[in-house]
Amino acid sequence: MENMHRIDSFGFGEISINGRWYRRDLILFPDHIQSDWRRTDGHLLQLEDLETVLVRPVGKIIIGTGVYGRMKVAPRVIRRLQEDKLSFEILTTDRAIESYRKTDSPAGTVCALHLTC
């Protein structure tokens, strides 16, 4: 599919995308990968953590909350996504990757992935 990164494999703490390994959380944009994505509070996703996403024309955001779903999403984030009328999914990272692979609109989809717990 056009503008879609190929996720080759995923395991606890690492992911291979387009043949390259990453060992830190990241955000997949249609045109690039923001590697080494850090959050203000590691296991709580806040609005500030999505600054680079919310300033772009995005149709859908897929959030991977970790292998065990330990990263929580602040209610403020959910409210903002709803106010902006963005389609979004909050899933464990393996399920988020599955959803990303199946998306029918890769040019408008962003995928933010927490790779560990």
PDB file of N, CA and C in Angstrom:
ATOM      1  N   MET A   1       0.841  -1.197   0.000  1.00  0.00           N
ATOM      2  CA  MET A   1       0.000   0.000   0.000  1.00  0.00           C
ATOM      3  C   MET A   1       0.875   1.246   0.000  1.00  0.00           C
ATOM      4  N   GLU A   2       0.397   2.272  -0.620  1.00  0.00           N
ATOM      5  CA  GLU A   2       1.125   3.524  -0.713  1.00  0.00           C
ATOM      6  C   GLU A   2       1.271   4.171   0.667  1.00  0.00           C
ATOM      7  N   ASN A   3       2.454   4.756   0.922  1.00  0.00           N
ATOM      8  CA  ASN A   3       2.737   5.476   2.170  1.00  0.00           C
ATOM      9  C   ASN A   3       2.538   4.637   3.419  1.00  0.00           C
ATOM     10  N   MET A   4       2.822   3.362   3.333  1.00  0.00           N
ATOM     11  CA  MET A   4       2.668   2.517   4.510  1.00  0.00           C
ATOM     12  C   MET A   4       3.994   1.837   4.815  1.00  0.00           C
ATOM     13  N   HIS A   5       4.367   1.900   6.071  1.00  0.00           N
ATOM     14  CA  HIS A   5       5.588   1.232   6.498  1.00  0.00           C
ATOM     15  C   HIS A   5       5.314  -0.263   6.639  1.00  0.00           C
ATOM     16  N   ARG A   6       6.305  -1.063   6.313  1.00  0.00           N
ATOM     17  CA  ARG A   6       6.171  -2.512   6.448  1.00  0.00           C
ATOM     18  C   ARG A   6       6.726  -2.918   7.814  1.00  0.00           C
ATOM     19  N   ILE A   7       5.865  -3.407   8.677  1.00  0.00           N
ATOM     20  CA  ILE A   7       6.313  -3.904   9.978  1.00  0.00           C
ATOM     21  C   ILE A   7       6.645  -5.373   9.786  1.00  0.00           C
ATOM     22  N   ASP A   8       7.941  -5.669   9.862  1.00  0.00           N
ATOM     23  CA  ASP A   8       8.432  -7.021   9.609  1.00  0.00           C
ATOM     24  C   ASP A   8       8.208  -7.938  10.800  1.00  0.00           C
ATOM     25  N   SER A   9       8.563  -7.455  11.990  1.00  0.00           N
ATOM     26  CA  SER A   9       8.365  -8.273  13.192  1.00  0.00           C
ATOM     27  C   SER A   9       8.371  -7.388  14.428  1.00  0.00           C
ATOM     28  N   PHE A  10       7.806  -7.944  15.504  1.00  0.00           N
ATOM     29  CA  PHE A  10       7.718  -7.222  16.774  1.00  0.00           C
ATOM     30  C   PHE A  10       7.914  -8.206  17.912  1.00  0.00           C
ATOM     31  N   GLY A  11       8.713  -7.801  18.872  1.00  0.00           N
ATOM     32  CA  GLY A  11       8.895  -8.561  20.097  1.00  0.00           C
ATOM     33  C   GLY A  11       9.099  -7.573  21.232  1.00  0.00           C
ATOM     34  N   PHE A  12       9.064  -8.033  22.445  1.00  0.00           N
ATOM     35  CA  PHE A  12       9.187  -7.150  23.608  1.00  0.00           C
ATOM     36  C   PHE A  12      10.421  -6.250  23.457  1.00  0.00           C
ATOM     37  N   GLY A  13      10.185  -4.943  23.368  1.00  0.00           N
ATOM     38  CA  GLY A  13      11.269  -3.972  23.325  1.00  0.00           C
ATOM     39  C   GLY A  13      11.933  -3.764  21.977  1.00  0.00           C
ATOM     40  N   GLU A  14      11.446  -4.415  20.923  1.00  0.00           N
ATOM     41  CA  GLU A  14      12.056  -4.195  19.616  1.00  0.00           C
ATOM     42  C   GLU A  14      11.063  -4.448  18.492  1.00  0.00           C
ATOM     43  N   ILE A  15      11.289  -3.727  17.406  1.00  0.00           N
ATOM     44  CA  ILE A  15      10.415  -3.844  16.246  1.00  0.00           C
ATOM     45  C   ILE A  15      11.261  -3.637  14.992  1.00  0.00           C
ATOM     46  N   SER A  16      10.963  -4.387  13.961  1.00  0.00           N
ATOM     47  CA  SER A  16      11.631  -4.223  12.673  1.00  0.00           C
ATOM     48  C   SER A  16      10.634  -3.615  11.697  1.00  0.00           C
ATOM     49  N   ILE A  17      11.030  -2.460  11.125  1.00  0.00           N
ATOM     50  CA  ILE A  17      10.177  -1.744  10.181  1.00  0.00           C
ATOM     51  C   ILE A  17      10.991  -1.455   8.934  1.00  0.00           C
ATOM     52  N   ASN A  18      10.456  -1.857   7.795  1.00  0.00           N
ATOM     53  CA  ASN A  18      11.149  -1.650   6.517  1.00  0.00           C
ATOM     54  C   ASN A  18      12.576  -2.198   6.558  1.00  0.00           C
ATOM     55  N   GLY A  19      12.774  -3.302   7.287  1.00  0.00           N
ATOM     56  CA  GLY A  19      14.087  -3.937   7.358  1.00  0.00           C
ATOM     57  C   GLY A  19      15.049  -3.333   8.360  1.00  0.00           C
ATOM     58  N   ARG A  20      14.605  -2.346   9.123  1.00  0.00           N
ATOM     59  CA  ARG A  20      15.479  -1.695  10.120  1.00  0.00           C
ATOM     60  C   ARG A  20      14.932  -1.948  11.529  1.00  0.00           C
ATOM     61  N   TRP A  21      15.827  -2.253  12.456  1.00  0.00           N
ATOM     62  CA  TRP A  21      15.422  -2.518  13.846  1.00  0.00           C
ATOM     63  C   TRP A  21      15.372  -1.244  14.669  1.00  0.00           C
ATOM     64  N   TYR A  22      14.356  -1.148  15.516  1.00  0.00           N
ATOM     65  CA  TYR A  22      14.190  -0.040  16.465  1.00  0.00           C
ATOM     66  C   TYR A  22      14.014  -0.660  17.844  1.00  0.00           C
ATOM     67  N   ARG A  23      14.617  -0.028  18.844  1.00  0.00           N
ATOM     68  CA  ARG A  23      14.532  -0.557  20.206  1.00  0.00           C
ATOM     69  C   ARG A  23      14.010   0.488  21.195  1.00  0.00           C
ATOM     70  N   ARG A  24      13.356   1.473  20.665  1.00  0.00           N
ATOM     71  CA  ARG A  24      12.715   2.501  21.489  1.00  0.00           C
ATOM     72  C   ARG A  24      11.331   2.787  20.898  1.00  0.00           C
ATOM     73  N   ASP A  25      10.452   3.299  21.732  1.00  0.00           N
ATOM     74  CA  ASP A  25       9.103   3.643  21.287  1.00  0.00           C
ATOM     75  C   ASP A  25       9.179   4.589  20.087  1.00  0.00           C
ATOM     76  N   LEU A  26       8.153   4.533  19.244  1.00  0.00           N
ATOM     77  CA  LEU A  26       8.189   5.345  18.033  1.00  0.00           C
ATOM     78  C   LEU A  26       6.792   5.669  17.532  1.00  0.00           C
ATOM     79  N   ILE A  27       6.769   6.608  16.587  1.00  0.00           N
ATOM     80  CA  ILE A  27       5.518   6.979  15.927  1.00  0.00           C
ATOM     81  C   ILE A  27       5.727   6.815  14.425  1.00  0.00           C
ATOM     82  N   LEU A  28       4.831   6.081  13.791  1.00  0.00           N
ATOM     83  CA  LEU A  28       4.865   5.902  12.344  1.00  0.00           C
ATOM     84  C   LEU A  28       3.957   6.940  11.699  1.00  0.00           C
ATOM     85  N   PHE A  29       4.562   7.854  10.954  1.00  0.00           N
ATOM     86  CA  PHE A  29       3.815   8.805  10.145  1.00  0.00           C
ATOM     87  C   PHE A  29       3.821   8.260   8.717  1.00  0.00           C
ATOM     88  N   PRO A  30       2.901   8.683   7.870  1.00  0.00           N
ATOM     89  CA  PRO A  30       2.906   8.169   6.505  1.00  0.00           C
ATOM     90  C   PRO A  30       4.235   8.397   5.771  1.00  0.00           C
ATOM     91  N   ASP A  31       4.896   9.518   6.062  1.00  0.00           N
ATOM     92  CA  ASP A  31       6.107   9.872   5.318  1.00  0.00           C
ATOM     93  C   ASP A  31       7.418   9.701   6.081  1.00  0.00           C
ATOM     94  N   HIS A  32       7.353   9.362   7.367  1.00  0.00           N
ATOM     95  CA  HIS A  32       8.582   9.167   8.133  1.00  0.00           C
ATOM     96  C   HIS A  32       8.286   8.444   9.451  1.00  0.00           C
ATOM     97  N   ILE A  33       9.359   8.088  10.148  1.00  0.00           N
ATOM     98  CA  ILE A  33       9.248   7.448  11.454  1.00  0.00           C
ATOM     99  C   ILE A  33       9.909   8.359  12.484  1.00  0.00           C
ATOM    100  N   GLN A  34       9.156   8.691  13.526  1.00  0.00           N
ATOM    101  CA  GLN A  34       9.740   9.447  14.647  1.00  0.00           C
ATOM    102  C   GLN A  34      10.222   8.413  15.641  1.00  0.00           C
ATOM    103  N   SER A  35      11.519   8.133  15.612  1.00  0.00           N
ATOM    104  CA  SER A  35      12.064   7.125  16.520  1.00  0.00           C
ATOM    105  C   SER A  35      12.399   7.784  17.857  1.00  0.00           C
ATOM    106  N   ASP A  36      12.616   6.961  18.858  1.00  0.00           N
ATOM    107  CA  ASP A  36      12.954   7.442  20.203  1.00  0.00           C
ATOM    108  C   ASP A  36      11.875   8.389  20.739  1.00  0.00           C
ATOM    109  N   TRP A  37      10.606   7.984  20.569  1.00  0.00           N
ATOM    110  CA  TRP A  37       9.469   8.766  21.066  1.00  0.00           C
ATOM    111  C   TRP A  37       9.410   8.629  22.582  1.00  0.00           C
ATOM    112  N   ARG A  38       9.534   9.740  23.261  1.00  0.00           N
ATOM    113  CA  ARG A  38       9.485   9.740  24.727  1.00  0.00           C
ATOM    114  C   ARG A  38       8.256  10.515  25.193  1.00  0.00           C
ATOM    115  N   ARG A  39       7.705  10.043  26.290  1.00  0.00           N
ATOM    116  CA  ARG A  39       6.549  10.700  26.870  1.00  0.00           C
ATOM    117  C   ARG A  39       6.940  11.388  28.175  1.00  0.00           C
ATOM    118  N   THR A  40       6.190  12.402  28.529  1.00  0.00           N
ATOM    119  CA  THR A  40       6.442  13.146  29.759  1.00  0.00           C
ATOM    120  C   THR A  40       6.469  12.201  30.953  1.00  0.00           C
ATOM    121  N   ASP A  41       5.500  11.303  31.008  1.00  0.00           N
ATOM    122  CA  ASP A  41       5.429  10.268  32.042  1.00  0.00           C
ATOM    123  C   ASP A  41       5.356   8.954  31.269  1.00  0.00           C
ATOM    124  N   GLY A  42       6.400   8.160  31.330  1.00  0.00           N
ATOM    125  CA  GLY A  42       6.556   6.968  30.505  1.00  0.00           C
ATOM    126  C   GLY A  42       5.335   6.101  30.287  1.00  0.00           C
ATOM    127  N   HIS A  43       4.509   5.918  31.308  1.00  0.00           N
ATOM    128  CA  HIS A  43       3.373   5.015  31.173  1.00  0.00           C
ATOM    129  C   HIS A  43       2.019   5.724  31.189  1.00  0.00           C
ATOM    130  N   LEU A  44       2.042   7.029  30.879  1.00  0.00           N
ATOM    131  CA  LEU A  44       0.801   7.785  30.764  1.00  0.00           C
ATOM    132  C   LEU A  44       0.913   8.692  29.549  1.00  0.00           C
ATOM    133  N   LEU A  45       0.112   8.413  28.536  1.00  0.00           N
ATOM    134  CA  LEU A  45       0.126   9.216  27.322  1.00  0.00           C
ATOM    135  C   LEU A  45      -0.659  10.493  27.569  1.00  0.00           C
ATOM    136  N   GLN A  46       0.007  11.641  27.375  1.00  0.00           N
ATOM    137  CA  GLN A  46      -0.615  12.935  27.596  1.00  0.00           C
ATOM    138  C   GLN A  46      -0.632  13.724  26.286  1.00  0.00           C
ATOM    139  N   LEU A  47      -1.405  14.786  26.251  1.00  0.00           N
ATOM    140  CA  LEU A  47      -1.520  15.591  25.031  1.00  0.00           C
ATOM    141  C   LEU A  47      -0.167  16.060  24.520  1.00  0.00           C
ATOM    142  N   GLU A  48       0.705  16.499  25.428  1.00  0.00           N
ATOM    143  CA  GLU A  48       2.025  16.997  25.033  1.00  0.00           C
ATOM    144  C   GLU A  48       2.807  15.933  24.257  1.00  0.00           C
ATOM    145  N   ASP A  49       2.553  14.686  24.556  1.00  0.00           N
ATOM    146  CA  ASP A  49       3.278  13.583  23.922  1.00  0.00           C
ATOM    147  C   ASP A  49       2.854  13.360  22.472  1.00  0.00           C
ATOM    148  N   LEU A  50       1.739  13.941  22.094  1.00  0.00           N
ATOM    149  CA  LEU A  50       1.232  13.786  20.729  1.00  0.00           C
ATOM    150  C   LEU A  50       1.304  15.085  19.928  1.00  0.00           C
ATOM    151  N   GLU A  51       2.108  16.049  20.415  1.00  0.00           N
ATOM    152  CA  GLU A  51       2.225  17.340  19.732  1.00  0.00           C
ATOM    153  C   GLU A  51       2.546  17.175  18.249  1.00  0.00           C
ATOM    154  N   THR A  52       3.492  16.308  17.929  1.00  0.00           N
ATOM    155  CA  THR A  52       3.917  16.142  16.543  1.00  0.00           C
ATOM    156  C   THR A  52       2.824  15.490  15.688  1.00  0.00           C
ATOM    157  N   VAL A  53       1.885  14.824  16.329  1.00  0.00           N
ATOM    158  CA  VAL A  53       0.782  14.181  15.600  1.00  0.00           C
ATOM    159  C   VAL A  53      -0.358  15.159  15.379  1.00  0.00           C
ATOM    160  N   LEU A  54      -0.732  15.883  16.420  1.00  0.00           N
ATOM    161  CA  LEU A  54      -1.932  16.720  16.374  1.00  0.00           C
ATOM    162  C   LEU A  54      -1.787  17.971  15.513  1.00  0.00           C
ATOM    163  N   VAL A  55      -0.585  18.311  15.090  1.00  0.00           N
ATOM    164  CA  VAL A  55      -0.391  19.478  14.226  1.00  0.00           C
ATOM    165  C   VAL A  55      -0.457  19.112  12.746  1.00  0.00           C
ATOM    166  N   ARG A  56      -0.684  17.838  12.441  1.00  0.00           N
ATOM    167  CA  ARG A  56      -0.734  17.356  11.057  1.00  0.00           C
ATOM    168  C   ARG A  56      -2.160  16.974  10.680  1.00  0.00           C
ATOM    169  N   PRO A  57      -2.434  16.945   9.393  1.00  0.00           N
ATOM    170  CA  PRO A  57      -3.744  16.443   8.967  1.00  0.00           C
ATOM    171  C   PRO A  57      -3.749  14.912   9.079  1.00  0.00           C
ATOM    172  N   VAL A  58      -4.401  14.427  10.085  1.00  0.00           N
ATOM    173  CA  VAL A  58      -4.443  12.990  10.368  1.00  0.00           C
ATOM    174  C   VAL A  58      -5.895  12.550  10.378  1.00  0.00           C
ATOM    175  N   GLY A  59      -6.169  11.381   9.816  1.00  0.00           N
ATOM    176  CA  GLY A  59      -7.524  10.851   9.836  1.00  0.00           C
ATOM    177  C   GLY A  59      -7.731   9.830  10.929  1.00  0.00           C
ATOM    178  N   LYS A  60      -6.659   9.078  11.227  1.00  0.00           N
ATOM    179  CA  LYS A  60      -6.778   8.015  12.215  1.00  0.00           C
ATOM    180  C   LYS A  60      -5.476   7.891  13.003  1.00  0.00           C
ATOM    181  N   ILE A  61      -5.627   7.645  14.289  1.00  0.00           N
ATOM    182  CA  ILE A  61      -4.477   7.409  15.158  1.00  0.00           C
ATOM    183  C   ILE A  61      -4.659   6.046  15.819  1.00  0.00           C
ATOM    184  N   ILE A  62      -3.639   5.220  15.695  1.00  0.00           N
ATOM    185  CA  ILE A  62      -3.628   3.916  16.362  1.00  0.00           C
ATOM    186  C   ILE A  62      -2.576   4.006  17.454  1.00  0.00           C
ATOM    187  N   ILE A  63      -2.973   3.728  18.686  1.00  0.00           N
ATOM    188  CA  ILE A  63      -2.065   3.821  19.829  1.00  0.00           C
ATOM    189  C   ILE A  63      -1.826   2.422  20.381  1.00  0.00           C
ATOM    190  N   GLY A  64      -0.552   2.025  20.396  1.00  0.00           N
ATOM    191  CA  GLY A  64      -0.157   0.745  20.977  1.00  0.00           C
ATOM    192  C   GLY A  64       0.331   0.973  22.391  1.00  0.00           C
ATOM    193  N   THR A  65      -0.334   0.366  23.357  1.00  0.00           N
ATOM    194  CA  THR A  65      -0.079   0.646  24.778  1.00  0.00           C
ATOM    195  C   THR A  65       0.931  -0.291  25.435  1.00  0.00           C
ATOM    196  N   GLY A  66       1.640  -1.078  24.638  1.00  0.00           N
ATOM    197  CA  GLY A  66       2.646  -1.990  25.182  1.00  0.00           C
ATOM    198  C   GLY A  66       2.196  -3.440  25.084  1.00  0.00           C
ATOM    199  N   VAL A  67       3.140  -4.328  25.310  1.00  0.00           N
ATOM    200  CA  VAL A  67       2.866  -5.762  25.231  1.00  0.00           C
ATOM    201  C   VAL A  67       1.750  -6.157  26.199  1.00  0.00           C
ATOM    202  N   TYR A  68       1.802  -5.595  27.403  1.00  0.00           N
ATOM    203  CA  TYR A  68       0.805  -5.917  28.435  1.00  0.00           C
ATOM    204  C   TYR A  68      -0.207  -4.800  28.652  1.00  0.00           C
ATOM    205  N   GLY A  69      -0.154  -3.762  27.812  1.00  0.00           N
ATOM    206  CA  GLY A  69      -1.101  -2.656  27.929  1.00  0.00           C
ATOM    207  C   GLY A  69      -0.869  -1.757  29.131  1.00  0.00           C
ATOM    208  N   ARG A  70       0.364  -1.649  29.579  1.00  0.00           N
ATOM    209  CA  ARG A  70       0.673  -0.853  30.773  1.00  0.00           C
ATOM    210  C   ARG A  70       0.588   0.657  30.560  1.00  0.00           C
ATOM    211  N   MET A  71       0.809   1.115  29.334  1.00  0.00           N
ATOM    212  CA  MET A  71       0.722   2.555  29.089  1.00  0.00           C
ATOM    213  C   MET A  71      -0.756   2.950  29.034  1.00  0.00           C
ATOM    214  N   LYS A  72      -1.121   3.882  29.858  1.00  0.00           N
ATOM    215  CA  LYS A  72      -2.504   4.368  29.892  1.00  0.00           C
ATOM    216  C   LYS A  72      -2.614   5.653  29.083  1.00  0.00           C
ATOM    217  N   VAL A  73      -3.807   5.959  28.649  1.00  0.00           N
ATOM    218  CA  VAL A  73      -4.067   7.167  27.874  1.00  0.00           C
ATOM    219  C   VAL A  73      -4.886   8.110  28.745  1.00  0.00           C
ATOM    220  N   ALA A  74      -4.363   9.310  28.965  1.00  0.00           N
ATOM    221  CA  ALA A  74      -5.050  10.291  29.813  1.00  0.00           C
ATOM    222  C   ALA A  74      -6.408  10.642  29.213  1.00  0.00           C
ATOM    223  N   PRO A  75      -7.423  10.827  30.055  1.00  0.00           N
ATOM    224  CA  PRO A  75      -8.758  11.198  29.567  1.00  0.00           C
ATOM    225  C   PRO A  75      -8.732  12.450  28.679  1.00  0.00           C
ATOM    226  N   ARG A  76      -7.831  13.383  28.977  1.00  0.00           N
ATOM    227  CA  ARG A  76      -7.676  14.604  28.174  1.00  0.00           C
ATOM    228  C   ARG A  76      -7.351  14.279  26.718  1.00  0.00           C
ATOM    229  N   VAL A  77      -6.535  13.259  26.516  1.00  0.00           N
ATOM    230  CA  VAL A  77      -6.149  12.853  25.161  1.00  0.00           C
ATOM    231  C   VAL A  77      -7.377  12.330  24.420  1.00  0.00           C
ATOM    232  N   ILE A  78      -8.117  11.478  25.077  1.00  0.00           N
ATOM    233  CA  ILE A  78      -9.313  10.900  24.451  1.00  0.00           C
ATOM    234  C   ILE A  78     -10.312  12.001  24.103  1.00  0.00           C
ATOM    235  N   ARG A  79     -10.522  12.939  25.024  1.00  0.00           N
ATOM    236  CA  ARG A  79     -11.443  14.052  24.753  1.00  0.00           C
ATOM    237  C   ARG A  79     -10.994  14.860  23.543  1.00  0.00           C
ATOM    238  N   ARG A  80      -9.691  15.139  23.474  1.00  0.00           N
ATOM    239  CA  ARG A  80      -9.168  15.938  22.354  1.00  0.00           C
ATOM    240  C   ARG A  80      -9.348  15.202  21.020  1.00  0.00           C
ATOM    241  N   LEU A  81      -9.069  13.920  21.000  1.00  0.00           N
ATOM    242  CA  LEU A  81      -9.233  13.148  19.770  1.00  0.00           C
ATOM    243  C   LEU A  81     -10.702  13.148  19.344  1.00  0.00           C
ATOM    244  N   GLN A  82     -11.603  13.027  20.316  1.00  0.00           N
ATOM    245  CA  GLN A  82     -13.034  13.058  20.013  1.00  0.00           C
ATOM    246  C   GLN A  82     -13.457  14.443  19.516  1.00  0.00           C
ATOM    247  N   GLU A  83     -12.970  15.508  20.179  1.00  0.00           N
ATOM    248  CA  GLU A  83     -13.298  16.881  19.770  1.00  0.00           C
ATOM    249  C   GLU A  83     -12.817  17.161  18.348  1.00  0.00           C
ATOM    250  N   ASP A  84     -11.636  16.639  18.018  1.00  0.00           N
ATOM    251  CA  ASP A  84     -11.070  16.828  16.681  1.00  0.00           C
ATOM    252  C   ASP A  84     -11.686  15.874  15.655  1.00  0.00           C
ATOM    253  N   LYS A  85     -12.626  15.052  16.121  1.00  0.00           N
ATOM    254  CA  LYS A  85     -13.320  14.074  15.272  1.00  0.00           C
ATOM    255  C   LYS A  85     -12.347  13.126  14.557  1.00  0.00           C
ATOM    256  N   LEU A  86     -11.314  12.729  15.282  1.00  0.00           N
ATOM    257  CA  LEU A  86     -10.337  11.785  14.743  1.00  0.00           C
ATOM    258  C   LEU A  86     -10.771  10.365  15.086  1.00  0.00           C
ATOM    259  N   SER A  87     -10.600   9.487  14.148  1.00  0.00           N
ATOM    260  CA  SER A  87     -10.811   8.073  14.408  1.00  0.00           C
ATOM    261  C   SER A  87      -9.585   7.600  15.183  1.00  0.00           C
ATOM    262  N   PHE A  88      -9.791   6.820  16.232  1.00  0.00           N
ATOM    263  CA  PHE A  88      -8.643   6.332  16.985  1.00  0.00           C
ATOM    264  C   PHE A  88      -8.931   4.975  17.595  1.00  0.00           C
ATOM    265  N   GLU A  89      -7.830   4.250  17.821  1.00  0.00           N
ATOM    266  CA  GLU A  89      -7.901   2.953  18.481  1.00  0.00           C
ATOM    267  C   GLU A  89      -6.806   2.924  19.540  1.00  0.00           C
ATOM    268  N   ILE A  90      -7.142   2.370  20.690  1.00  0.00           N
ATOM    269  CA  ILE A  90      -6.180   2.188  21.766  1.00  0.00           C
ATOM    270  C   ILE A  90      -6.134   0.694  22.043  1.00  0.00           C
ATOM    271  N   LEU A  91      -4.998   0.080  21.709  1.00  0.00           N
ATOM    272  CA  LEU A  91      -4.870  -1.374  21.751  1.00  0.00           C
ATOM    273  C   LEU A  91      -3.509  -1.768  22.317  1.00  0.00           C
ATOM    274  N   THR A  92      -3.377  -3.018  22.739  1.00  0.00           N
ATOM    275  CA  THR A  92      -2.038  -3.493  23.064  1.00  0.00           C
ATOM    276  C   THR A  92      -1.209  -3.378  21.782  1.00  0.00           C
ATOM    277  N   THR A  93       0.096  -3.294  21.912  1.00  0.00           N
ATOM    278  CA  THR A  93       0.930  -3.019  20.745  1.00  0.00           C
ATOM    279  C   THR A  93       0.812  -4.075  19.656  1.00  0.00           C
ATOM    280  N   ASP A  94       0.729  -5.346  20.022  1.00  0.00           N
ATOM    281  CA  ASP A  94       0.593  -6.371  18.982  1.00  0.00           C
ATOM    282  C   ASP A  94      -0.709  -6.188  18.194  1.00  0.00           C
ATOM    283  N   ARG A  95      -1.781  -5.848  18.887  1.00  0.00           N
ATOM    284  CA  ARG A  95      -3.061  -5.627  18.202  1.00  0.00           C
ATOM    285  C   ARG A  95      -3.054  -4.323  17.406  1.00  0.00           C
ATOM    286  N   ALA A  96      -2.333  -3.314  17.919  1.00  0.00           N
ATOM    287  CA  ALA A  96      -2.201  -2.047  17.189  1.00  0.00           C
ATOM    288  C   ALA A  96      -1.469  -2.277  15.862  1.00  0.00           C
ATOM    289  N   ILE A  97      -0.432  -3.094  15.905  1.00  0.00           N
ATOM    290  CA  ILE A  97       0.319  -3.419  14.689  1.00  0.00           C
ATOM    291  C   ILE A  97      -0.584  -4.152  13.696  1.00  0.00           C
ATOM    292  N   GLU A  98      -1.362  -5.075  14.196  1.00  0.00           N
ATOM    293  CA  GLU A  98      -2.319  -5.807  13.352  1.00  0.00           C
ATOM    294  C   GLU A  98      -3.288  -4.830  12.673  1.00  0.00           C
ATOM    295  N   SER A  99      -3.813  -3.901  13.444  1.00  0.00           N
ATOM    296  CA  SER A  99      -4.751  -2.915  12.916  1.00  0.00           C
ATOM    297  C   SER A  99      -4.066  -2.030  11.874  1.00  0.00           C
ATOM    298  N   TYR A 100      -2.844  -1.606  12.165  1.00  0.00           N
ATOM    299  CA  TYR A 100      -2.094  -0.768  11.230  1.00  0.00           C
ATOM    300  C   TYR A 100      -1.885  -1.500   9.903  1.00  0.00           C
ATOM    301  N   ARG A 101      -1.537  -2.751   9.991  1.00  0.00           N
ATOM    302  CA  ARG A 101      -1.294  -3.539   8.769  1.00  0.00           C
ATOM    303  C   ARG A 101      -2.557  -3.653   7.916  1.00  0.00           C
ATOM    304  N   LYS A 102      -3.725  -3.604   8.544  1.00  0.00           N
ATOM    305  CA  LYS A 102      -4.996  -3.779   7.836  1.00  0.00           C
ATOM    306  C   LYS A 102      -5.654  -2.465   7.414  1.00  0.00           C
ATOM    307  N   THR A 103      -5.043  -1.343   7.775  1.00  0.00           N
ATOM    308  CA  THR A 103      -5.702  -0.065   7.490  1.00  0.00           C
ATOM    309  C   THR A 103      -5.926   0.133   6.000  1.00  0.00           C
ATOM    310  N   ASP A 104      -7.058   0.733   5.686  1.00  0.00           N
ATOM    311  CA  ASP A 104      -7.365   0.989   4.283  1.00  0.00           C
ATOM    312  C   ASP A 104      -7.025   2.420   3.872  1.00  0.00           C
ATOM    313  N   SER A 105      -6.512   3.214   4.809  1.00  0.00           N
ATOM    314  CA  SER A 105      -6.128   4.598   4.479  1.00  0.00           C
ATOM    315  C   SER A 105      -4.756   4.918   5.078  1.00  0.00           C
ATOM    316  N   PRO A 106      -3.698   4.283   4.574  1.00  0.00           N
ATOM    317  CA  PRO A 106      -2.363   4.483   5.151  1.00  0.00           C
ATOM    318  C   PRO A 106      -1.867   5.921   5.069  1.00  0.00           C
ATOM    319  N   ALA A 107      -2.287   6.679   4.060  1.00  0.00           N
ATOM    320  CA  ALA A 107      -1.811   8.051   3.916  1.00  0.00           C
ATOM    321  C   ALA A 107      -2.346   8.967   5.021  1.00  0.00           C
ATOM    322  N   GLY A 108      -3.419   8.573   5.687  1.00  0.00           N
ATOM    323  CA  GLY A 108      -3.989   9.393   6.754  1.00  0.00           C
ATOM    324  C   GLY A 108      -3.888   8.767   8.123  1.00  0.00           C
ATOM    325  N   THR A 109      -3.066   7.723   8.252  1.00  0.00           N
ATOM    326  CA  THR A 109      -2.977   6.986   9.514  1.00  0.00           C
ATOM    327  C   THR A 109      -1.626   7.181  10.182  1.00  0.00           C
ATOM    328  N   VAL A 110      -1.675   7.423  11.481  1.00  0.00           N
ATOM    329  CA  VAL A 110      -0.475   7.520  12.314  1.00  0.00           C
ATOM    330  C   VAL A 110      -0.574   6.430  13.367  1.00  0.00           C
ATOM    331  N   CYS A 111       0.563   5.806  13.665  1.00  0.00           N
ATOM    332  CA  CYS A 111       0.580   4.716  14.635  1.00  0.00           C
ATOM    333  C   CYS A 111       1.671   4.990  15.675  1.00  0.00           C
ATOM    334  N   ALA A 112       1.280   5.184  16.926  1.00  0.00           N
ATOM    335  CA  ALA A 112       2.204   5.466  18.027  1.00  0.00           C
ATOM    336  C   ALA A 112       2.356   4.206  18.862  1.00  0.00           C
ATOM    337  N   LEU A 113       3.592   3.691  18.984  1.00  0.00           N
ATOM    338  CA  LEU A 113       3.805   2.390  19.605  1.00  0.00           C
ATOM    339  C   LEU A 113       4.724   2.419  20.809  1.00  0.00           C
ATOM    340  N   HIS A 114       4.225   1.918  21.923  1.00  0.00           N
ATOM    341  CA  HIS A 114       5.025   1.663  23.125  1.00  0.00           C
ATOM    342  C   HIS A 114       5.486   0.210  23.003  1.00  0.00           C
ATOM    343  N   LEU A 115       6.794  -0.017  23.020  1.00  0.00           N
ATOM    344  CA  LEU A 115       7.320  -1.338  22.681  1.00  0.00           C
ATOM    345  C   LEU A 115       7.535  -2.288  23.844  1.00  0.00           C
ATOM    346  N   THR A 116       7.512  -1.793  25.073  1.00  0.00           N
ATOM    347  CA  THR A 116       7.768  -2.715  26.193  1.00  0.00           C
ATOM    348  C   THR A 116       6.471  -3.033  26.921  1.00  0.00           C
ATOM    349  N   CYS A 117       6.462  -2.862  28.206  1.00  0.00           N
ATOM    350  CA  CYS A 117       5.351  -3.331  29.041  1.00  0.00           C
ATOM    351  C   CYS A 117       4.040  -2.647  28.739  1.00  0.00           C
TER     352      CYS A 117
END
